Structures are given as structure tokens and as C-alpha cells.
């Protein structure tokens, strides 16, 4: 099982979206965050579960779709994972 680390950008993304959702519904915000962490738990066991990011076409950079969000991550040595960013699907990637 690989180790999961978060980039600063990904931590900020998670917090920003969570706080936005809290303005409307704390229950929905918690459900959204739970969904994110559930996917990360799956990735710990199977890092290649996500698809290669179409815009980048780099084998080690993958994504999981969670509702309207894209969770981008990079697979490193020993199948360790770095969560790179969380983006709404309508937002362009800045990579």
C-alpha cells in the first residue's frame, strides 16, 4: 500500500471547496469531503485506478472523477501518491 501526501495546492483546494459548500449546507460539505477521502482510500490500495489525464498524457499523472470534480494525483516511487489538485470540471488545468 502506497503512502499518500498532499501538495499545498491540493490542501487549499479541499479547504476552499469545503468552505464554499458549508455556506449552503454543512451536511453536503461533509458528504463531499467524505467522497474525496473514500476515493483516496481506494487509491492507497490501487494507485493506477485513475485514468491518465487526457490533457497531459503523462503515465504517472492520473485523475479520479468525483461528481463534478477532478482529483489529480501523481504516482511516485513505491506507488506513493501525491494529491496534486482538486478542480471543478469546468475549470482549466494549470499544469
PDB file of N, CA and C in Angstrom:
ATOM      1  N   UNK A   1       0.848  -1.181   0.000  1.00  0.00           N
ATOM      2  CA  UNK A   1       0.000   0.000   0.000  1.00  0.00           C
ATOM      3  C   UNK A   1       0.889   1.238   0.000  1.00  0.00           C
ATOM      4  N   UNK A   2       0.605   2.151  -0.910  1.00  0.00           N
ATOM      5  CA  UNK A   2       1.396   3.367  -1.021  1.00  0.00           C
ATOM      6  C   UNK A   2       1.013   4.408   0.019  1.00  0.00           C
ATOM      7  N   UNK A   3       1.905   5.341   0.192  1.00  0.00           N
ATOM      8  CA  UNK A   3       1.701   6.455   1.110  1.00  0.00           C
ATOM      9  C   UNK A   3       1.071   7.614   0.324  1.00  0.00           C
ATOM     10  N   UNK A   4       0.180   8.348   0.959  1.00  0.00           N
ATOM     11  CA  UNK A   4      -0.476   9.481   0.304  1.00  0.00           C
ATOM     12  C   UNK A   4       0.011  10.783   0.934  1.00  0.00           C
ATOM     13  N   UNK A   5       0.432  11.704   0.086  1.00  0.00           N
ATOM     14  CA  UNK A   5       0.813  13.048   0.532  1.00  0.00           C
ATOM     15  C   UNK A   5      -0.017  14.058  -0.250  1.00  0.00           C
ATOM     16  N   UNK A   6      -0.211  15.203   0.329  1.00  0.00           N
ATOM     17  CA  UNK A   6      -0.984  16.278  -0.305  1.00  0.00           C
ATOM     18  C   UNK A   6      -0.058  17.445  -0.631  1.00  0.00           C
ATOM     19  N   UNK A   7      -0.187  17.977  -1.842  1.00  0.00           N
ATOM     20  CA  UNK A   7       0.510  19.219  -2.169  1.00  0.00           C
ATOM     21  C   UNK A   7      -0.202  20.356  -1.438  1.00  0.00           C
ATOM     22  N   UNK A   8       0.493  21.468  -1.282  1.00  0.00           N
ATOM     23  CA  UNK A   8      -0.140  22.640  -0.664  1.00  0.00           C
ATOM     24  C   UNK A   8      -1.357  23.085  -1.460  1.00  0.00           C
ATOM     25  N   UNK A   9      -1.233  23.050  -2.780  1.00  0.00           N
ATOM     26  CA  UNK A   9      -2.351  23.464  -3.642  1.00  0.00           C
ATOM     27  C   UNK A   9      -3.574  22.576  -3.406  1.00  0.00           C
ATOM     28  N   UNK A  10      -3.364  21.274  -3.311  1.00  0.00           N
ATOM     29  CA  UNK A  10      -4.484  20.353  -3.106  1.00  0.00           C
ATOM     30  C   UNK A  10      -5.153  20.595  -1.755  1.00  0.00           C
ATOM     31  N   UNK A  11      -4.355  20.845  -0.735  1.00  0.00           N
ATOM     32  CA  UNK A  11      -4.931  21.146   0.591  1.00  0.00           C
ATOM     33  C   UNK A  11      -5.788  22.406   0.529  1.00  0.00           C
ATOM     34  N   UNK A  12      -5.277  23.424  -0.157  1.00  0.00           N
ATOM     35  CA  UNK A  12      -6.020  24.673  -0.300  1.00  0.00           C
ATOM     36  C   UNK A  12      -7.307  24.459  -1.099  1.00  0.00           C
ATOM     37  N   UNK A  13      -7.223  23.652  -2.155  1.00  0.00           N
ATOM     38  CA  UNK A  13      -8.416  23.349  -2.960  1.00  0.00           C
ATOM     39  C   UNK A  13      -9.483  22.679  -2.106  1.00  0.00           C
ATOM     40  N   UNK A  14      -9.079  21.672  -1.343  1.00  0.00           N
ATOM     41  CA  UNK A  14     -10.019  20.939  -0.492  1.00  0.00           C
ATOM     42  C   UNK A  14     -10.703  21.887   0.485  1.00  0.00           C
ATOM     43  N   UNK A  15      -9.912  22.710   1.139  1.00  0.00           N
ATOM     44  CA  UNK A  15     -10.457  23.648   2.117  1.00  0.00           C
ATOM     45  C   UNK A  15     -11.389  24.666   1.453  1.00  0.00           C
ATOM     46  N   UNK A  16     -10.970  25.194   0.318  1.00  0.00           N
ATOM     47  CA  UNK A  16     -11.773  26.203  -0.376  1.00  0.00           C
ATOM     48  C   UNK A  16     -13.138  25.650  -0.782  1.00  0.00           C
ATOM     49  N   UNK A  17     -13.154  24.488  -1.432  1.00  0.00           N
ATOM     50  CA  UNK A  17     -14.427  23.912  -1.856  1.00  0.00           C
ATOM     51  C   UNK A  17     -15.289  23.522  -0.663  1.00  0.00           C
ATOM     52  N   UNK A  18     -14.661  22.970   0.366  1.00  0.00           N
ATOM     53  CA  UNK A  18     -15.401  22.577   1.561  1.00  0.00           C
ATOM     54  C   UNK A  18     -16.088  23.796   2.190  1.00  0.00           C
ATOM     55  N   UNK A  19     -15.340  24.875   2.341  1.00  0.00           N
ATOM     56  CA  UNK A  19     -15.915  26.085   2.948  1.00  0.00           C
ATOM     57  C   UNK A  19     -17.018  26.684   2.080  1.00  0.00           C
ATOM     58  N   UNK A  20     -16.852  26.629   0.767  1.00  0.00           N
ATOM     59  CA  UNK A  20     -17.923  27.107  -0.124  1.00  0.00           C
ATOM     60  C   UNK A  20     -19.198  26.308   0.084  1.00  0.00           C
ATOM     61  N   UNK A  21     -19.066  24.988   0.163  1.00  0.00           N
ATOM     62  CA  UNK A  21     -20.241  24.143   0.371  1.00  0.00           C
ATOM     63  C   UNK A  21     -20.848  24.353   1.749  1.00  0.00           C
ATOM     64  N   UNK A  22     -20.033  24.632   2.751  1.00  0.00           N
ATOM     65  CA  UNK A  22     -20.539  24.862   4.106  1.00  0.00           C
ATOM     66  C   UNK A  22     -21.471  26.068   4.168  1.00  0.00           C
ATOM     67  N   UNK A  23     -21.260  27.034   3.284  1.00  0.00           N
ATOM     68  CA  UNK A  23     -22.128  28.205   3.256  1.00  0.00           C
ATOM     69  C   UNK A  23     -23.568  27.821   2.940  1.00  0.00           C
ATOM     70  N   UNK A  24     -23.734  26.739   2.207  1.00  0.00           N
ATOM     71  CA  UNK A  24     -25.072  26.299   1.813  1.00  0.00           C
ATOM     72  C   UNK A  24     -25.573  25.144   2.679  1.00  0.00           C
ATOM     73  N   UNK A  25     -24.667  24.186   2.985  1.00  0.00           N
ATOM     74  CA  UNK A  25     -25.073  23.015   3.752  1.00  0.00           C
ATOM     75  C   UNK A  25     -23.844  22.304   4.316  1.00  0.00           C
ATOM     76  N   UNK A  26     -23.742  22.305   5.636  1.00  0.00           N
ATOM     77  CA  UNK A  26     -22.623  21.601   6.257  1.00  0.00           C
ATOM     78  C   UNK A  26     -22.718  20.105   6.000  1.00  0.00           C
ATOM     79  N   UNK A  27     -23.918  19.594   5.953  1.00  0.00           N
ATOM     80  CA  UNK A  27     -24.115  18.165   5.696  1.00  0.00           C
ATOM     81  C   UNK A  27     -23.609  17.800   4.298  1.00  0.00           C
ATOM     82  N   UNK A  28     -23.941  18.626   3.312  1.00  0.00           N
ATOM     83  CA  UNK A  28     -23.472  18.364   1.947  1.00  0.00           C
ATOM     84  C   UNK A  28     -21.956  18.500   1.865  1.00  0.00           C
ATOM     85  N   UNK A  29     -21.405  19.505   2.526  1.00  0.00           N
ATOM     86  CA  UNK A  29     -19.954  19.714   2.523  1.00  0.00           C
ATOM     87  C   UNK A  29     -19.241  18.502   3.112  1.00  0.00           C
ATOM     88  N   UNK A  30     -19.775  17.965   4.200  1.00  0.00           N
ATOM     89  CA  UNK A  30     -19.157  16.792   4.819  1.00  0.00           C
ATOM     90  C   UNK A  30     -19.267  15.579   3.903  1.00  0.00           C
ATOM     91  N   UNK A  31     -20.392  15.401   3.237  1.00  0.00           N
ATOM     92  CA  UNK A  31     -20.572  14.288   2.296  1.00  0.00           C
ATOM     93  C   UNK A  31     -19.569  14.403   1.155  1.00  0.00           C
ATOM     94  N   UNK A  32     -19.394  15.610   0.634  1.00  0.00           N
ATOM     95  CA  UNK A  32     -18.445  15.849  -0.457  1.00  0.00           C
ATOM     96  C   UNK A  32     -17.029  15.480   0.001  1.00  0.00           C
ATOM     97  N   UNK A  33     -16.627  15.943   1.177  1.00  0.00           N
ATOM     98  CA  UNK A  33     -15.287  15.639   1.699  1.00  0.00           C
ATOM     99  C   UNK A  33     -15.134  14.138   1.944  1.00  0.00           C
ATOM    100  N   UNK A  34     -16.168  13.504   2.468  1.00  0.00           N
ATOM    101  CA  UNK A  34     -16.120  12.055   2.683  1.00  0.00           C
ATOM    102  C   UNK A  34     -15.906  11.314   1.367  1.00  0.00           C
ATOM    103  N   UNK A  35     -16.569  11.767   0.314  1.00  0.00           N
ATOM    104  CA  UNK A  35     -16.400  11.149  -1.008  1.00  0.00           C
ATOM    105  C   UNK A  35     -14.954  11.277  -1.491  1.00  0.00           C
ATOM    106  N   UNK A  36     -14.358  12.436  -1.276  1.00  0.00           N
ATOM    107  CA  UNK A  36     -12.962  12.654  -1.660  1.00  0.00           C
ATOM    108  C   UNK A  36     -12.057  11.666  -0.922  1.00  0.00           C
ATOM    109  N   UNK A  37     -12.235  11.557   0.383  1.00  0.00           N
ATOM    110  CA  UNK A  37     -11.365  10.684   1.174  1.00  0.00           C
ATOM    111  C   UNK A  37     -11.625   9.201   0.891  1.00  0.00           C
ATOM    112  N   UNK A  38     -12.838   8.868   0.523  1.00  0.00           N
ATOM    113  CA  UNK A  38     -13.125   7.485   0.130  1.00  0.00           C
ATOM    114  C   UNK A  38     -12.338   7.100  -1.127  1.00  0.00           C
ATOM    115  N   UNK A  39     -12.293   8.011  -2.091  1.00  0.00           N
ATOM    116  CA  UNK A  39     -11.524   7.761  -3.316  1.00  0.00           C
ATOM    117  C   UNK A  39     -10.035   7.656  -2.996  1.00  0.00           C
ATOM    118  N   UNK A  40      -9.544   8.510  -2.136  1.00  0.00           N
ATOM    119  CA  UNK A  40      -8.131   8.462  -1.766  1.00  0.00           C
ATOM    120  C   UNK A  40      -7.803   7.133  -1.091  1.00  0.00           C
ATOM    121  N   UNK A  41      -8.710   6.652  -0.276  1.00  0.00           N
ATOM    122  CA  UNK A  41      -8.509   5.350   0.361  1.00  0.00           C
ATOM    123  C   UNK A  41      -8.404   4.244  -0.699  1.00  0.00           C
ATOM    124  N   UNK A  42      -9.223   4.317  -1.739  1.00  0.00           N
ATOM    125  CA  UNK A  42      -9.132   3.355  -2.840  1.00  0.00           C
ATOM    126  C   UNK A  42      -7.789   3.458  -3.556  1.00  0.00           C
ATOM    127  N   UNK A  43      -7.313   4.670  -3.743  1.00  0.00           N
ATOM    128  CA  UNK A  43      -6.037   4.881  -4.430  1.00  0.00           C
ATOM    129  C   UNK A  43      -4.855   4.348  -3.628  1.00  0.00           C
ATOM    130  N   UNK A  44      -4.956   4.381  -2.320  1.00  0.00           N
ATOM    131  CA  UNK A  44      -3.885   3.826  -1.494  1.00  0.00           C
ATOM    132  C   UNK A  44      -3.658   2.352  -1.832  1.00  0.00           C
ATOM    133  N   UNK A  45      -4.737   1.651  -2.113  1.00  0.00           N
ATOM    134  CA  UNK A  45      -4.660   0.227  -2.415  1.00  0.00           C
ATOM    135  C   UNK A  45      -4.373  -0.048  -3.889  1.00  0.00           C
ATOM    136  N   UNK A  46      -4.793   0.862  -4.761  1.00  0.00           N
ATOM    137  CA  UNK A  46      -4.637   0.661  -6.198  1.00  0.00           C
ATOM    138  C   UNK A  46      -4.359   1.999  -6.881  1.00  0.00           C
ATOM    139  N   UNK A  47      -3.114   2.474  -6.854  1.00  0.00           N
ATOM    140  CA  UNK A  47      -2.778   3.805  -7.367  1.00  0.00           C
ATOM    141  C   UNK A  47      -3.064   4.005  -8.854  1.00  0.00           C
ATOM    142  N   UNK A  48      -3.107   2.936  -9.620  1.00  0.00           N
ATOM    143  CA  UNK A  48      -3.344   3.069 -11.061  1.00  0.00           C
ATOM    144  C   UNK A  48      -4.820   2.980 -11.422  1.00  0.00           C
ATOM    145  N   UNK A  49      -5.675   3.103 -10.423  1.00  0.00           N
ATOM    146  CA  UNK A  49      -7.115   3.045 -10.640  1.00  0.00           C
ATOM    147  C   UNK A  49      -7.604   4.195 -11.520  1.00  0.00           C
ATOM    148  N   UNK A  50      -7.032   5.363 -11.350  1.00  0.00           N
ATOM    149  CA  UNK A  50      -7.456   6.537 -12.116  1.00  0.00           C
ATOM    150  C   UNK A  50      -6.958   6.497 -13.546  1.00  0.00           C
ATOM    151  N   UNK A  51      -7.608   7.303 -14.368  1.00  0.00           N
ATOM    152  CA  UNK A  51      -7.187   7.372 -15.772  1.00  0.00           C
ATOM    153  C   UNK A  51      -6.074   8.398 -15.937  1.00  0.00           C
ATOM    154  N   UNK A  52      -5.310   8.236 -16.997  1.00  0.00           N
ATOM    155  CA  UNK A  52      -4.287   9.215 -17.353  1.00  0.00           C
ATOM    156  C   UNK A  52      -5.000  10.508 -17.730  1.00  0.00           C
ATOM    157  N   UNK A  53      -4.500  11.628 -17.254  1.00  0.00           N
ATOM    158  CA  UNK A  53      -5.133  12.923 -17.530  1.00  0.00           C
ATOM    159  C   UNK A  53      -5.034  13.209 -19.033  1.00  0.00           C
ATOM    160  N   UNK A  54      -6.175  13.325 -19.732  1.00  0.00           N
ATOM    161  CA  UNK A  54      -6.152  13.482 -21.189  1.00  0.00           C
ATOM    162  C   UNK A  54      -5.328  14.673 -21.684  1.00  0.00           C
ATOM    163  N   UNK A  55      -5.388  15.792 -20.962  1.00  0.00           N
ATOM    164  CA  UNK A  55      -4.673  16.989 -21.404  1.00  0.00           C
ATOM    165  C   UNK A  55      -3.166  16.847 -21.279  1.00  0.00           C
ATOM    166  N   UNK A  56      -2.702  15.963 -20.412  1.00  0.00           N
ATOM    167  CA  UNK A  56      -1.278  15.863 -20.130  1.00  0.00           C
ATOM    168  C   UNK A  56      -0.607  14.650 -20.770  1.00  0.00           C
ATOM    169  N   UNK A  57      -1.320  13.541 -20.829  1.00  0.00           N
ATOM    170  CA  UNK A  57      -0.786  12.298 -21.402  1.00  0.00           C
ATOM    171  C   UNK A  57       0.545  11.888 -20.768  1.00  0.00           C
ATOM    172  N   UNK A  58       0.607  11.961 -19.440  1.00  0.00           N
ATOM    173  CA  UNK A  58       1.777  11.527 -18.679  1.00  0.00           C
ATOM    174  C   UNK A  58       1.341  10.325 -17.842  1.00  0.00           C
ATOM    175  N   UNK A  59       2.039   9.199 -17.995  1.00  0.00           N
ATOM    176  CA  UNK A  59       1.645   7.955 -17.329  1.00  0.00           C
ATOM    177  C   UNK A  59       1.505   8.096 -15.817  1.00  0.00           C
ATOM    178  N   UNK A  60       2.355   8.876 -15.195  1.00  0.00           N
ATOM    179  CA  UNK A  60       2.362   8.959 -13.735  1.00  0.00           C
ATOM    180  C   UNK A  60       1.356   9.959 -13.170  1.00  0.00           C
ATOM    181  N   UNK A  61       0.747  10.780 -14.021  1.00  0.00           N
ATOM    182  CA  UNK A  61      -0.233  11.760 -13.543  1.00  0.00           C
ATOM    183  C   UNK A  61      -1.620  11.286 -13.957  1.00  0.00           C
ATOM    184  N   UNK A  62      -2.446  11.040 -12.954  1.00  0.00           N
ATOM    185  CA  UNK A  62      -3.762  10.454 -13.192  1.00  0.00           C
ATOM    186  C   UNK A  62      -4.827  11.255 -12.481  1.00  0.00           C
ATOM    187  N   UNK A  63      -6.076  10.889 -12.766  1.00  0.00           N
ATOM    188  CA  UNK A  63      -7.175  11.584 -12.129  1.00  0.00           C
ATOM    189  C   UNK A  63      -8.309  10.629 -11.818  1.00  0.00           C
ATOM    190  N   UNK A  64      -9.062  11.011 -10.813  1.00  0.00           N
ATOM    191  CA  UNK A  64     -10.307  10.347 -10.468  1.00  0.00           C
ATOM    192  C   UNK A  64     -11.398  11.404 -10.545  1.00  0.00           C
ATOM    193  N   UNK A  65     -12.517  11.036 -11.094  1.00  0.00           N
ATOM    194  CA  UNK A  65     -13.658  11.946 -11.197  1.00  0.00           C
ATOM    195  C   UNK A  65     -14.570  11.674 -10.006  1.00  0.00           C
ATOM    196  N   UNK A  66     -14.884  12.727  -9.276  1.00  0.00           N
ATOM    197  CA  UNK A  66     -15.749  12.623  -8.103  1.00  0.00           C
ATOM    198  C   UNK A  66     -16.841  13.669  -8.287  1.00  0.00           C
ATOM    199  N   UNK A  67     -17.990  13.223  -8.745  1.00  0.00           N
ATOM    200  CA  UNK A  67     -19.061  14.166  -9.060  1.00  0.00           C
ATOM    201  C   UNK A  67     -18.612  15.096 -10.162  1.00  0.00           C
ATOM    202  N   UNK A  68     -18.610  16.388  -9.883  1.00  0.00           N
ATOM    203  CA  UNK A  68     -18.193  17.392 -10.865  1.00  0.00           C
ATOM    204  C   UNK A  68     -16.731  17.802 -10.682  1.00  0.00           C
ATOM    205  N   UNK A  69     -15.989  17.020  -9.888  1.00  0.00           N
ATOM    206  CA  UNK A  69     -14.614  17.391  -9.561  1.00  0.00           C
ATOM    207  C   UNK A  69     -13.615  16.376 -10.090  1.00  0.00           C
ATOM    208  N   UNK A  70     -12.440  16.882 -10.388  1.00  0.00           N
ATOM    209  CA  UNK A  70     -11.319  16.062 -10.848  1.00  0.00           C
ATOM    210  C   UNK A  70     -10.242  16.111  -9.765  1.00  0.00           C
ATOM    211  N   UNK A  71      -9.890  14.957  -9.246  1.00  0.00           N
ATOM    212  CA  UNK A  71      -8.819  14.852  -8.276  1.00  0.00           C
ATOM    213  C   UNK A  71      -7.597  14.350  -9.035  1.00  0.00           C
ATOM    214  N   UNK A  72      -6.597  15.210  -9.189  1.00  0.00           N
ATOM    215  CA  UNK A  72      -5.379  14.852  -9.915  1.00  0.00           C
ATOM    216  C   UNK A  72      -4.310  14.422  -8.928  1.00  0.00           C
ATOM    217  N   UNK A  73      -3.620  13.349  -9.284  1.00  0.00           N
ATOM    218  CA  UNK A  73      -2.566  12.835  -8.424  1.00  0.00           C
ATOM    219  C   UNK A  73      -1.429  12.286  -9.262  1.00  0.00           C
ATOM    220  N   UNK A  74      -0.285  12.170  -8.615  1.00  0.00           N
ATOM    221  CA  UNK A  74       0.897  11.634  -9.290  1.00  0.00           C
ATOM    222  C   UNK A  74       1.369  10.399  -8.539  1.00  0.00           C
ATOM    223  N   UNK A  75       1.687   9.362  -9.309  1.00  0.00           N
ATOM    224  CA  UNK A  75       2.214   8.134  -8.737  1.00  0.00           C
ATOM    225  C   UNK A  75       3.733   8.234  -8.735  1.00  0.00           C
ATOM    226  N   UNK A  76       4.322   8.023  -7.570  1.00  0.00           N
ATOM    227  CA  UNK A  76       5.773   8.100  -7.444  1.00  0.00           C
ATOM    228  C   UNK A  76       6.385   6.741  -7.128  1.00  0.00           C
ATOM    229  N   UNK A  77       7.566   6.785  -6.554  1.00  0.00           N
ATOM    230  CA  UNK A  77       8.275   5.559  -6.176  1.00  0.00           C
ATOM    231  C   UNK A  77       7.449   4.749  -5.185  1.00  0.00           C
ATOM    232  N   UNK A  78       7.562   3.440  -5.300  1.00  0.00           N
ATOM    233  CA  UNK A  78       6.882   2.511  -4.393  1.00  0.00           C
ATOM    234  C   UNK A  78       5.369   2.738  -4.352  1.00  0.00           C
ATOM    235  N   UNK A  79       4.823   3.228  -5.459  1.00  0.00           N
ATOM    236  CA  UNK A  79       3.387   3.507  -5.575  1.00  0.00           C
ATOM    237  C   UNK A  79       2.884   4.539  -4.575  1.00  0.00           C
ATOM    238  N   UNK A  80       3.785   5.400  -4.095  1.00  0.00           N
ATOM    239  CA  UNK A  80       3.340   6.517  -3.272  1.00  0.00           C
ATOM    240  C   UNK A  80       2.570   7.494  -4.151  1.00  0.00           C
ATOM    241  N   UNK A  81       1.629   8.193  -3.544  1.00  0.00           N
ATOM    242  CA  UNK A  81       0.756   9.097  -4.282  1.00  0.00           C
ATOM    243  C   UNK A  81       0.880  10.503  -3.718  1.00  0.00           C
ATOM    244  N   UNK A  82       0.946  11.475  -4.617  1.00  0.00           N
ATOM    245  CA  UNK A  82       0.845  12.875  -4.204  1.00  0.00           C
ATOM    246  C   UNK A  82      -0.417  13.443  -4.829  1.00  0.00           C
ATOM    247  N   UNK A  83      -1.320  13.920  -3.983  1.00  0.00           N
ATOM    248  CA  UNK A  83      -2.516  14.589  -4.470  1.00  0.00           C
ATOM    249  C   UNK A  83      -2.064  15.968  -4.943  1.00  0.00           C
ATOM    250  N   UNK A  84      -2.269  16.241  -6.230  1.00  0.00           N
ATOM    251  CA  UNK A  84      -1.764  17.484  -6.821  1.00  0.00           C
ATOM    252  C   UNK A  84      -2.761  18.629  -6.715  1.00  0.00           C
ATOM    253  N   UNK A  85      -4.027  18.355  -7.044  1.00  0.00           N
ATOM    254  CA  UNK A  85      -5.035  19.405  -7.055  1.00  0.00           C
ATOM    255  C   UNK A  85      -6.421  18.783  -7.126  1.00  0.00           C
ATOM    256  N   UNK A  86      -7.410  19.580  -6.759  1.00  0.00           N
ATOM    257  CA  UNK A  86      -8.811  19.224  -6.955  1.00  0.00           C
ATOM    258  C   UNK A  86      -9.412  20.356  -7.768  1.00  0.00           C
ATOM    259  N   UNK A  87      -9.983  20.029  -8.893  1.00  0.00           N
ATOM    260  CA  UNK A  87     -10.528  21.047  -9.798  1.00  0.00           C
ATOM    261  C   UNK A  87     -11.974  20.734 -10.146  1.00  0.00           C
ATOM    262  N   UNK A  88     -12.785  21.773 -10.187  1.00  0.00           N
ATOM    263  CA  UNK A  88     -14.127  21.603 -10.750  1.00  0.00           C
ATOM    264  C   UNK A  88     -13.936  21.311 -12.223  1.00  0.00           C
ATOM    265  N   UNK A  89     -14.757  20.445 -12.762  1.00  0.00           N
ATOM    266  CA  UNK A  89     -14.565  20.025 -14.155  1.00  0.00           C
ATOM    267  C   UNK A  89     -14.685  21.174 -15.154  1.00  0.00           C
ATOM    268  N   UNK A  90     -15.307  22.280 -14.753  1.00  0.00           N
ATOM    269  CA  UNK A  90     -15.413  23.421 -15.660  1.00  0.00           C
ATOM    270  C   UNK A  90     -14.170  24.309 -15.636  1.00  0.00           C
ATOM    271  N   UNK A  91     -13.253  24.051 -14.698  1.00  0.00           N
ATOM    272  CA  UNK A  91     -12.040  24.866 -14.585  1.00  0.00           C
ATOM    273  C   UNK A  91     -10.903  24.266 -15.406  1.00  0.00           C
ATOM    274  N   UNK A  92     -10.123  25.088 -16.059  1.00  0.00           N
ATOM    275  CA  UNK A  92      -8.975  24.553 -16.824  1.00  0.00           C
ATOM    276  C   UNK A  92      -7.864  24.124 -15.871  1.00  0.00           C
ATOM    277  N   UNK A  93      -7.067  23.190 -16.376  1.00  0.00           N
ATOM    278  CA  UNK A  93      -5.895  22.766 -15.604  1.00  0.00           C
ATOM    279  C   UNK A  93      -4.783  23.767 -15.812  1.00  0.00           C
ATOM    280  N   UNK A  94      -4.011  24.023 -14.762  1.00  0.00           N
ATOM    281  CA  UNK A  94      -2.894  24.970 -14.845  1.00  0.00           C
ATOM    282  C   UNK A  94      -1.570  24.236 -14.750  1.00  0.00           C
ATOM    283  N   UNK A  95      -1.448  23.113 -15.462  1.00  0.00           N
ATOM    284  CA  UNK A  95      -0.213  22.339 -15.423  1.00  0.00           C
ATOM    285  C   UNK A  95       0.449  22.340 -16.761  1.00  0.00           C
TER     286      UNK A  95
END
